[in-house]
Amino acid sequence: MAEVIIVKNEEEAGQIYGRAVADLIKTKPDAVLGLATGSSPLAAYQALAKIVHDESIDVSQVRGFALDEYLGLPLDHPQSYHSTIHRTVVEPLGLDPAKVHVPGDVLDGAPLEDGEKIAEAGPAYDAAIEAAGGIDVQILGIGTDGHIGFNEPGSSLASGTRVKTLAEQTRIDNARFFENDIDKVPTHCITQGIGTVLKARHLVLLAFGSGKAEAIEETVEGGVSAFCPASALQLHPHATIIVDEEAASRLRHKDYYRYAFAHKPAWQGI
């Protein structure tokens, strides 16, 4: 099963992630990071950036691959994930922009009707990840319905990077980034599949707040099902789920998770 770490707040979660990734980069300067957008990873990126700067860690060779991208937005749109990743990760960490990739980069706002171009983008992205040697650490958020990336409920657990239709609830949740106007939220995206995500060597999922409690319960202690895509983490040999007290509130075995983490040998890390 995944390791569950219950923390006080997002800042503590960020420190755990930041320390683990900084240590990885020290031992593997060309580490490949899997990157997610949304609010959950922000404290983690901020913590990592501070450690990188405080300890003068060389990140010039670090590579990155984002989870997903909206379809139909130009790359320079402020809410495109191309722009978001560069704003929240590339610039604060000082990464080489040429080494950080987003699934929609080759599309550059191509319309959904351009089927041939869009159909080729997914397999090409998976091939690029494989050519880079695979992702070392993939950071993940989780939707209220259990989606990771843009893999909505019902997504194949063996899926690769492909085009998906966004669920209405996901568009409602993301409308806050589009002036609270759901009509401005794209209806389609390109996303790494569950099968792609599971190929990463280490998965770190972050979730905060009571709104994520049901999804975390299903992910950690429910059955593995395509209707809670994040439950596929139960199949991964190295998955870490970091949650605050509210997100952990529905877990039946939270006392054990606390005990196990408190008694974990320091040399194991996460």
C-alpha atoms as a PDB file:
ATOM      1  CA  MET A   1       0.000   0.000   0.000  1.00  0.00           C
ATOM      2  CA  ALA A   2       0.996   3.633  -0.343  1.00  0.00           C
ATOM      3  CA  GLU A   3       2.739   5.385   2.521  1.00  0.00           C
ATOM      4  CA  VAL A   4       0.388   7.928   4.121  1.00  0.00           C
ATOM      5  CA  ILE A   5       1.900  10.941   5.894  1.00  0.00           C
ATOM      6  CA  ILE A   6      -0.442  13.182   7.866  1.00  0.00           C
ATOM      7  CA  VAL A   7       0.855  16.731   8.332  1.00  0.00           C
ATOM      8  CA  LYS A   8      -0.302  19.935  10.009  1.00  0.00           C
ATOM      9  CA  ASN A   9      -0.473  22.058   6.884  1.00  0.00           C
ATOM     10  CA  GLU A  10       0.626  22.559   3.287  1.00  0.00           C
ATOM     11  CA  GLU A  11       3.921  24.103   4.361  1.00  0.00           C
ATOM     12  CA  GLU A  12       4.950  20.963   6.251  1.00  0.00           C
ATOM     13  CA  ALA A  13       3.981  18.836   3.254  1.00  0.00           C
ATOM     14  CA  GLY A  14       6.021  21.117   1.024  1.00  0.00           C
ATOM     15  CA  GLN A  15       9.093  20.703   3.202  1.00  0.00           C
ATOM     16  CA  ILE A  16       8.851  16.914   2.976  1.00  0.00           C
ATOM     17  CA  TYR A  17       8.575  16.986  -0.813  1.00  0.00           C
ATOM     18  CA  GLY A  18      11.205  19.692  -1.224  1.00  0.00           C
ATOM     19  CA  ARG A  19      13.788  17.866   0.892  1.00  0.00           C
ATOM     20  CA  ALA A  20      13.246  14.584  -0.961  1.00  0.00           C
ATOM     21  CA  VAL A  21      13.549  16.151  -4.407  1.00  0.00           C
ATOM     22  CA  ALA A  22      16.522  18.319  -3.475  1.00  0.00           C
ATOM     23  CA  ASP A  23      18.372  15.254  -2.212  1.00  0.00           C
ATOM     24  CA  LEU A  24      17.491  13.430  -5.436  1.00  0.00           C
ATOM     25  CA  ILE A  25      18.933  16.237  -7.558  1.00  0.00           C
ATOM     26  CA  LYS A  26      22.140  16.202  -5.512  1.00  0.00           C
ATOM     27  CA  THR A  27      22.649  12.521  -6.291  1.00  0.00           C
ATOM     28  CA  LYS A  28      21.230  12.667  -9.826  1.00  0.00           C
ATOM     29  CA  PRO A  29      21.826  16.112 -11.368  1.00  0.00           C
ATOM     30  CA  ASP A  30      19.816  15.284 -14.490  1.00  0.00           C
ATOM     31  CA  ALA A  31      16.786  14.058 -12.537  1.00  0.00           C
ATOM     32  CA  VAL A  32      13.461  13.989 -14.363  1.00  0.00           C
ATOM     33  CA  LEU A  33      10.615  15.608 -12.444  1.00  0.00           C
ATOM     34  CA  GLY A  34       6.944  15.024 -13.133  1.00  0.00           C
ATOM     35  CA  LEU A  35       5.114  18.311 -12.622  1.00  0.00           C
ATOM     36  CA  ALA A  36       1.495  19.095 -11.765  1.00  0.00           C
ATOM     37  CA  THR A  37      -0.452  22.344 -11.721  1.00  0.00           C
ATOM     38  CA  GLY A  38      -3.265  23.402  -9.406  1.00  0.00           C
ATOM     39  CA  SER A  39      -3.082  24.765  -5.871  1.00  0.00           C
ATOM     40  CA  SER A  40      -1.964  21.616  -4.028  1.00  0.00           C
ATOM     41  CA  PRO A  41       1.661  21.535  -5.289  1.00  0.00           C
ATOM     42  CA  LEU A  42       2.414  25.246  -4.831  1.00  0.00           C
ATOM     43  CA  ALA A  43       3.849  25.028  -1.315  1.00  0.00           C
ATOM     44  CA  ALA A  44       5.926  22.046  -2.415  1.00  0.00           C
ATOM     45  CA  TYR A  45       7.446  23.977  -5.315  1.00  0.00           C
ATOM     46  CA  GLN A  46       8.106  26.961  -3.058  1.00  0.00           C
ATOM     47  CA  ALA A  47       9.857  24.761  -0.494  1.00  0.00           C
ATOM     48  CA  LEU A  48      11.978  23.106  -3.180  1.00  0.00           C
ATOM     49  CA  ALA A  49      12.944  26.468  -4.674  1.00  0.00           C
ATOM     50  CA  LYS A  50      14.071  27.754  -1.268  1.00  0.00           C
ATOM     51  CA  ILE A  51      16.207  24.673  -0.626  1.00  0.00           C
ATOM     52  CA  VAL A  52      17.725  24.881  -4.115  1.00  0.00           C
ATOM     53  CA  HIS A  53      18.701  28.506  -3.574  1.00  0.00           C
ATOM     54  CA  ASP A  54      19.779  28.168   0.077  1.00  0.00           C
ATOM     55  CA  GLU A  55      21.997  25.173  -0.663  1.00  0.00           C
ATOM     56  CA  SER A  56      23.193  26.375  -4.093  1.00  0.00           C
ATOM     57  CA  ILE A  57      22.047  23.179  -5.796  1.00  0.00           C
ATOM     58  CA  ASP A  58      22.867  23.022  -9.513  1.00  0.00           C
ATOM     59  CA  VAL A  59      19.596  22.429 -11.405  1.00  0.00           C
ATOM     60  CA  SER A  60      20.902  23.210 -14.884  1.00  0.00           C
ATOM     61  CA  GLN A  61      20.510  19.601 -16.022  1.00  0.00           C
ATOM     62  CA  VAL A  62      17.137  18.891 -14.370  1.00  0.00           C
ATOM     63  CA  ARG A  63      14.372  17.956 -16.780  1.00  0.00           C
ATOM     64  CA  GLY A  64      10.620  18.169 -16.315  1.00  0.00           C
ATOM     65  CA  PHE A  65       7.406  16.807 -17.831  1.00  0.00           C
ATOM     66  CA  ALA A  66       4.013  18.241 -16.925  1.00  0.00           C
ATOM     67  CA  LEU A  67       0.966  16.068 -16.420  1.00  0.00           C
ATOM     68  CA  ASP A  68      -1.514  17.767 -18.686  1.00  0.00           C
ATOM     69  CA  GLU A  69      -2.660  20.752 -20.704  1.00  0.00           C
ATOM     70  CA  TYR A  70      -5.898  22.309 -21.864  1.00  0.00           C
ATOM     71  CA  LEU A  71      -6.742  22.008 -25.536  1.00  0.00           C
ATOM     72  CA  GLY A  72      -7.462  25.156 -27.501  1.00  0.00           C
ATOM     73  CA  LEU A  73      -5.481  27.628 -25.379  1.00  0.00           C
ATOM     74  CA  PRO A  74      -2.399  29.279 -26.919  1.00  0.00           C
ATOM     75  CA  LEU A  75       0.815  28.539 -25.051  1.00  0.00           C
ATOM     76  CA  ASP A  76       1.090  32.120 -23.833  1.00  0.00           C
ATOM     77  CA  HIS A  77      -2.419  32.186 -22.348  1.00  0.00           C
ATOM     78  CA  PRO A  78      -1.942  32.925 -18.615  1.00  0.00           C
ATOM     79  CA  GLN A  79      -3.981  29.847 -17.635  1.00  0.00           C
ATOM     80  CA  SER A  80      -2.354  27.429 -20.055  1.00  0.00           C
ATOM     81  CA  TYR A  81      -0.345  24.863 -18.169  1.00  0.00           C
ATOM     82  CA  HIS A  82       2.653  25.797 -20.290  1.00  0.00           C
ATOM     83  CA  SER A  83       2.490  29.287 -18.743  1.00  0.00           C
ATOM     84  CA  THR A  84       1.581  28.002 -15.285  1.00  0.00           C
ATOM     85  CA  ILE A  85       4.470  25.527 -15.092  1.00  0.00           C
ATOM     86  CA  HIS A  86       6.942  28.165 -16.192  1.00  0.00           C
ATOM     87  CA  ARG A  87       5.532  30.667 -13.691  1.00  0.00           C
ATOM     88  CA  THR A  88       5.354  28.320 -10.671  1.00  0.00           C
ATOM     89  CA  VAL A  89       8.260  25.921 -11.307  1.00  0.00           C
ATOM     90  CA  VAL A  90      10.723  26.900 -14.040  1.00  0.00           C
ATOM     91  CA  GLU A  91      11.292  30.497 -12.959  1.00  0.00           C
ATOM     92  CA  PRO A  92      11.381  30.008  -9.146  1.00  0.00           C
ATOM     93  CA  LEU A  93      13.744  27.024  -9.390  1.00  0.00           C
ATOM     94  CA  GLY A  94      15.844  28.467 -12.190  1.00  0.00           C
ATOM     95  CA  LEU A  95      15.340  25.490 -14.496  1.00  0.00           C
ATOM     96  CA  ASP A  96      16.320  25.535 -18.165  1.00  0.00           C
ATOM     97  CA  PRO A  97      13.002  26.212 -19.987  1.00  0.00           C
ATOM     98  CA  ALA A  98      14.150  24.103 -22.925  1.00  0.00           C
ATOM     99  CA  LYS A  99      14.292  21.055 -20.653  1.00  0.00           C
ATOM    100  CA  VAL A 100      10.722  21.383 -19.316  1.00  0.00           C
ATOM    101  CA  HIS A 101       7.884  20.017 -21.429  1.00  0.00           C
ATOM    102  CA  VAL A 102       4.087  20.150 -21.422  1.00  0.00           C
ATOM    103  CA  PRO A 103       1.853  17.762 -23.415  1.00  0.00           C
ATOM    104  CA  GLY A 104       0.369  20.588 -25.470  1.00  0.00           C
ATOM    105  CA  ASP A 105       3.649  22.222 -26.460  1.00  0.00           C
ATOM    106  CA  VAL A 106       3.610  20.796 -29.988  1.00  0.00           C
ATOM    107  CA  LEU A 107      -0.050  21.761 -30.421  1.00  0.00           C
ATOM    108  CA  ASP A 108       0.322  25.471 -29.559  1.00  0.00           C
ATOM    109  CA  GLY A 109      -3.416  26.029 -29.342  1.00  0.00           C
ATOM    110  CA  ALA A 110      -4.381  23.752 -32.242  1.00  0.00           C
ATOM    111  CA  PRO A 111      -8.183  23.348 -32.357  1.00  0.00           C
ATOM    112  CA  LEU A 112      -9.852  20.109 -31.361  1.00  0.00           C
ATOM    113  CA  GLU A 113     -10.865  19.634 -34.997  1.00  0.00           C
ATOM    114  CA  ASP A 114      -7.212  19.141 -35.996  1.00  0.00           C
ATOM    115  CA  GLY A 115      -7.567  15.450 -35.220  1.00  0.00           C
ATOM    116  CA  GLU A 116      -4.414  14.162 -36.896  1.00  0.00           C
ATOM    117  CA  LYS A 117      -2.106  16.585 -35.101  1.00  0.00           C
ATOM    118  CA  ILE A 118      -3.783  16.046 -31.736  1.00  0.00           C
ATOM    119  CA  ALA A 119      -3.871  12.258 -32.061  1.00  0.00           C
ATOM    120  CA  GLU A 120      -0.104  12.140 -32.580  1.00  0.00           C
ATOM    121  CA  ALA A 121       0.710  14.355 -29.593  1.00  0.00           C
ATOM    122  CA  GLY A 122      -0.056  11.778 -26.883  1.00  0.00           C
ATOM    123  CA  PRO A 123       2.147   8.930 -28.114  1.00  0.00           C
ATOM    124  CA  ALA A 124       4.909  11.431 -28.926  1.00  0.00           C
ATOM    125  CA  TYR A 125       4.820  12.729 -25.345  1.00  0.00           C
ATOM    126  CA  ASP A 126       5.038   9.249 -23.855  1.00  0.00           C
ATOM    127  CA  ALA A 127       7.957   8.514 -26.173  1.00  0.00           C
ATOM    128  CA  ALA A 128       9.736  11.695 -25.026  1.00  0.00           C
ATOM    129  CA  ILE A 129       9.362  10.675 -21.374  1.00  0.00           C
ATOM    130  CA  GLU A 130      10.751   7.238 -22.155  1.00  0.00           C
ATOM    131  CA  ALA A 131      13.661   8.742 -24.122  1.00  0.00           C
ATOM    132  CA  ALA A 132      14.520  10.888 -21.078  1.00  0.00           C
ATOM    133  CA  GLY A 133      14.840   7.733 -18.988  1.00  0.00           C
ATOM    134  CA  GLY A 134      11.451   7.979 -17.293  1.00  0.00           C
ATOM    135  CA  ILE A 135      10.224  10.217 -14.509  1.00  0.00           C
ATOM    136  CA  ASP A 136      12.003   9.976 -11.157  1.00  0.00           C
ATOM    137  CA  VAL A 137       9.436  11.757  -8.959  1.00  0.00           C
ATOM    138  CA  GLN A 138       5.912  12.596 -10.091  1.00  0.00           C
ATOM    139  CA  ILE A 139       4.000  15.086  -7.969  1.00  0.00           C
ATOM    140  CA  LEU A 140       0.211  14.756  -8.065  1.00  0.00           C
ATOM    141  CA  GLY A 141      -2.837  16.583  -6.850  1.00  0.00           C
ATOM    142  CA  ILE A 142      -6.265  14.959  -6.667  1.00  0.00           C
ATOM    143  CA  GLY A 143      -9.701  16.127  -7.712  1.00  0.00           C
ATOM    144  CA  THR A 144     -12.779  15.903  -5.530  1.00  0.00           C
ATOM    145  CA  ASP A 145     -13.911  12.991  -7.719  1.00  0.00           C
ATOM    146  CA  GLY A 146     -10.582  11.169  -7.411  1.00  0.00           C
ATOM    147  CA  HIS A 147      -9.087  12.240 -10.724  1.00  0.00           C
ATOM    148  CA  ILE A 148      -5.331  12.676 -11.124  1.00  0.00           C
ATOM    149  CA  GLY A 149      -3.990  14.648 -14.012  1.00  0.00           C
ATOM    150  CA  PHE A 150      -7.106  15.007 -16.121  1.00  0.00           C
ATOM    151  CA  ASN A 151      -7.948  11.311 -15.863  1.00  0.00           C
ATOM    152  CA  GLU A 152     -11.612  11.588 -14.978  1.00  0.00           C
ATOM    153  CA  PRO A 153     -13.581   8.723 -13.366  1.00  0.00           C
ATOM    154  CA  GLY A 154     -13.837   5.847 -15.794  1.00  0.00           C
ATOM    155  CA  SER A 155     -10.364   6.375 -17.242  1.00  0.00           C
ATOM    156  CA  SER A 156      -8.478   3.212 -18.111  1.00  0.00           C
ATOM    157  CA  LEU A 157      -5.855   2.307 -15.538  1.00  0.00           C
ATOM    158  CA  ALA A 158      -3.590   1.286 -18.425  1.00  0.00           C
ATOM    159  CA  SER A 159      -4.047   4.503 -20.431  1.00  0.00           C
ATOM    160  CA  GLY A 160      -1.273   6.502 -22.035  1.00  0.00           C
ATOM    161  CA  THR A 161      -1.188  10.214 -22.800  1.00  0.00           C
ATOM    162  CA  ARG A 162      -4.291  11.142 -24.775  1.00  0.00           C
ATOM    163  CA  VAL A 163      -7.150  13.598 -25.279  1.00  0.00           C
ATOM    164  CA  LYS A 164      -9.931  13.598 -22.672  1.00  0.00           C
ATOM    165  CA  THR A 165     -13.221  15.425 -22.182  1.00  0.00           C
ATOM    166  CA  LEU A 166     -13.258  17.301 -18.896  1.00  0.00           C
ATOM    167  CA  ALA A 167     -16.034  16.464 -16.451  1.00  0.00           C
ATOM    168  CA  GLU A 168     -18.408  19.309 -15.644  1.00  0.00           C
ATOM    169  CA  GLN A 169     -17.329  19.257 -11.985  1.00  0.00           C
ATOM    170  CA  THR A 170     -13.687  19.664 -12.999  1.00  0.00           C
ATOM    171  CA  ARG A 171     -14.595  22.646 -15.138  1.00  0.00           C
ATOM    172  CA  ILE A 172     -16.588  24.108 -12.240  1.00  0.00           C
ATOM    173  CA  ASP A 173     -13.635  23.556  -9.882  1.00  0.00           C
ATOM    174  CA  ASN A 174     -11.218  25.189 -12.331  1.00  0.00           C
ATOM    175  CA  ALA A 175     -13.447  28.138 -13.181  1.00  0.00           C
ATOM    176  CA  ARG A 176     -11.755  30.035 -10.326  1.00  0.00           C
ATOM    177  CA  PHE A 177      -8.732  30.347 -12.614  1.00  0.00           C
ATOM    178  CA  PHE A 178     -10.909  31.750 -15.423  1.00  0.00           C
ATOM    179  CA  GLU A 179     -12.615  34.687 -13.680  1.00  0.00           C
ATOM    180  CA  ASN A 180     -15.179  32.227 -12.221  1.00  0.00           C
ATOM    181  CA  ASP A 181     -16.666  31.830 -15.701  1.00  0.00           C
ATOM    182  CA  ILE A 182     -17.108  28.162 -16.612  1.00  0.00           C
ATOM    183  CA  ASP A 183     -17.693  29.116 -20.241  1.00  0.00           C
ATOM    184  CA  LYS A 184     -14.061  30.203 -20.417  1.00  0.00           C
ATOM    185  CA  VAL A 185     -12.805  26.816 -19.198  1.00  0.00           C
ATOM    186  CA  PRO A 186     -11.882  24.522 -22.108  1.00  0.00           C
ATOM    187  CA  THR A 187     -13.944  21.360 -22.511  1.00  0.00           C
ATOM    188  CA  HIS A 188     -11.020  19.131 -23.559  1.00  0.00           C
ATOM    189  CA  CYS A 189      -7.465  18.473 -22.490  1.00  0.00           C
ATOM    190  CA  ILE A 190      -4.472  16.305 -23.230  1.00  0.00           C
ATOM    191  CA  THR A 191      -3.246  14.369 -20.196  1.00  0.00           C
ATOM    192  CA  GLN A 192      -0.770  11.738 -19.177  1.00  0.00           C
ATOM    193  CA  GLY A 193      -2.706   8.527 -18.687  1.00  0.00           C
ATOM    194  CA  ILE A 194      -2.858   6.455 -15.529  1.00  0.00           C
ATOM    195  CA  GLY A 195      -0.539   3.952 -17.197  1.00  0.00           C
ATOM    196  CA  THR A 196       1.946   6.747 -17.924  1.00  0.00           C
ATOM    197  CA  VAL A 197       1.777   8.041 -14.341  1.00  0.00           C
ATOM    198  CA  LEU A 198       2.359   4.572 -12.896  1.00  0.00           C
ATOM    199  CA  LYS A 199       5.651   4.284 -14.817  1.00  0.00           C
ATOM    200  CA  ALA A 200       7.230   7.021 -12.679  1.00  0.00           C
ATOM    201  CA  ARG A 201       9.628   5.638 -10.089  1.00  0.00           C
ATOM    202  CA  HIS A 202       8.135   7.585  -7.180  1.00  0.00           C
ATOM    203  CA  LEU A 203       4.665   9.114  -6.894  1.00  0.00           C
ATOM    204  CA  VAL A 204       3.929  11.876  -4.367  1.00  0.00           C
ATOM    205  CA  LEU A 205       0.262  12.856  -4.035  1.00  0.00           C
ATOM    206  CA  LEU A 206      -0.704  15.940  -2.024  1.00  0.00           C
ATOM    207  CA  ALA A 207      -4.204  16.722  -0.744  1.00  0.00           C
ATOM    208  CA  PHE A 208      -5.489  19.335   1.671  1.00  0.00           C
ATOM    209  CA  GLY A 209      -8.864  20.269   3.115  1.00  0.00           C
ATOM    210  CA  SER A 210     -12.101  18.488   3.922  1.00  0.00           C
ATOM    211  CA  GLY A 211     -13.207  18.686   0.305  1.00  0.00           C
ATOM    212  CA  LYS A 212     -10.610  16.050  -0.580  1.00  0.00           C
ATOM    213  CA  ALA A 213     -11.435  13.695   2.329  1.00  0.00           C
ATOM    214  CA  GLU A 214     -13.781  11.398   0.421  1.00  0.00           C
ATOM    215  CA  ALA A 215     -11.404  11.122  -2.540  1.00  0.00           C
ATOM    216  CA  ILE A 216      -8.489  10.297  -0.215  1.00  0.00           C
ATOM    217  CA  GLU A 217     -10.556   7.670   1.578  1.00  0.00           C
ATOM    218  CA  GLU A 218     -11.353   5.983  -1.743  1.00  0.00           C
ATOM    219  CA  THR A 219      -7.766   6.326  -2.957  1.00  0.00           C
ATOM    220  CA  VAL A 220      -6.110   4.843   0.128  1.00  0.00           C
ATOM    221  CA  GLU A 221      -8.636   2.446   1.635  1.00  0.00           C
ATOM    222  CA  GLY A 222     -11.147   1.777  -1.128  1.00  0.00           C
ATOM    223  CA  GLY A 223     -10.951  -0.766  -3.908  1.00  0.00           C
ATOM    224  CA  VAL A 224      -8.821  -0.173  -6.984  1.00  0.00           C
ATOM    225  CA  SER A 225     -11.246   1.123  -9.573  1.00  0.00           C
ATOM    226  CA  ALA A 226     -11.286   3.243 -12.698  1.00  0.00           C
ATOM    227  CA  PHE A 227     -14.055   5.216 -11.033  1.00  0.00           C
ATOM    228  CA  CYS A 228     -11.517   6.562  -8.537  1.00  0.00           C
ATOM    229  CA  PRO A 229      -8.504   6.932 -10.845  1.00  0.00           C
ATOM    230  CA  ALA A 230      -6.163   7.847  -7.958  1.00  0.00           C
ATOM    231  CA  SER A 231      -6.804   4.425  -6.402  1.00  0.00           C
ATOM    232  CA  ALA A 232      -4.349   3.089  -8.990  1.00  0.00           C
ATOM    233  CA  LEU A 233      -1.622   4.353  -6.648  1.00  0.00           C
ATOM    234  CA  GLN A 234      -2.294   1.220  -4.598  1.00  0.00           C
ATOM    235  CA  LEU A 235      -0.655  -0.708  -7.452  1.00  0.00           C
ATOM    236  CA  HIS A 236       2.560   1.329  -7.361  1.00  0.00           C
ATOM    237  CA  PRO A 237       5.642   0.060  -5.482  1.00  0.00           C
ATOM    238  CA  HIS A 238       6.664   3.538  -4.256  1.00  0.00           C
ATOM    239  CA  ALA A 239       3.766   5.914  -3.664  1.00  0.00           C
ATOM    240  CA  THR A 240       3.622   8.564  -0.958  1.00  0.00           C
ATOM    241  CA  ILE A 241       0.379  10.320  -0.036  1.00  0.00           C
ATOM    242  CA  ILE A 242       0.779  13.484   2.053  1.00  0.00           C
ATOM    243  CA  VAL A 243      -2.411  14.933   3.526  1.00  0.00           C
ATOM    244  CA  ASP A 244      -3.468  17.345   6.243  1.00  0.00           C
ATOM    245  CA  GLU A 245      -5.791  16.409   9.090  1.00  0.00           C
ATOM    246  CA  GLU A 246      -8.924  17.463   7.210  1.00  0.00           C
ATOM    247  CA  ALA A 247      -8.097  15.472   4.094  1.00  0.00           C
ATOM    248  CA  ALA A 248      -7.247  12.477   6.322  1.00  0.00           C
ATOM    249  CA  SER A 249     -10.412  12.758   8.396  1.00  0.00           C
ATOM    250  CA  ARG A 250     -12.234   9.807   6.800  1.00  0.00           C
ATOM    251  CA  LEU A 251      -9.311   7.363   6.895  1.00  0.00           C
ATOM    252  CA  ARG A 252     -10.028   4.410   9.187  1.00  0.00           C
ATOM    253  CA  HIS A 253      -6.383   3.588   9.859  1.00  0.00           C
ATOM    254  CA  LYS A 254      -4.959   7.084  10.325  1.00  0.00           C
ATOM    255  CA  ASP A 255      -3.583   6.226  13.755  1.00  0.00           C
ATOM    256  CA  TYR A 256      -1.482   3.484  12.182  1.00  0.00           C
ATOM    257  CA  TYR A 257      -0.265   5.810   9.442  1.00  0.00           C
ATOM    258  CA  ARG A 258       0.905   8.284  12.074  1.00  0.00           C
ATOM    259  CA  TYR A 259       2.593   5.527  14.081  1.00  0.00           C
ATOM    260  CA  ALA A 260       4.334   4.066  11.034  1.00  0.00           C
ATOM    261  CA  PHE A 261       5.736   7.429   9.918  1.00  0.00           C
ATOM    262  CA  ALA A 262       6.834   8.364  13.462  1.00  0.00           C
ATOM    263  CA  HIS A 263       8.811   5.128  13.720  1.00  0.00           C
ATOM    264  CA  LYS A 264      10.256   5.133  10.205  1.00  0.00           C
ATOM    265  CA  PRO A 265      14.072   4.957  10.011  1.00  0.00           C
ATOM    266  CA  ALA A 266      15.433   8.313   8.867  1.00  0.00           C
ATOM    267  CA  TRP A 267      17.593   6.685   6.195  1.00  0.00           C
ATOM    268  CA  GLN A 268      14.497   5.511   4.329  1.00  0.00           C
ATOM    269  CA  GLY A 269      13.348   9.016   3.430  1.00  0.00           C
ATOM    270  CA  ILE A 270      10.014   9.028   1.667  1.00  0.00           C
END
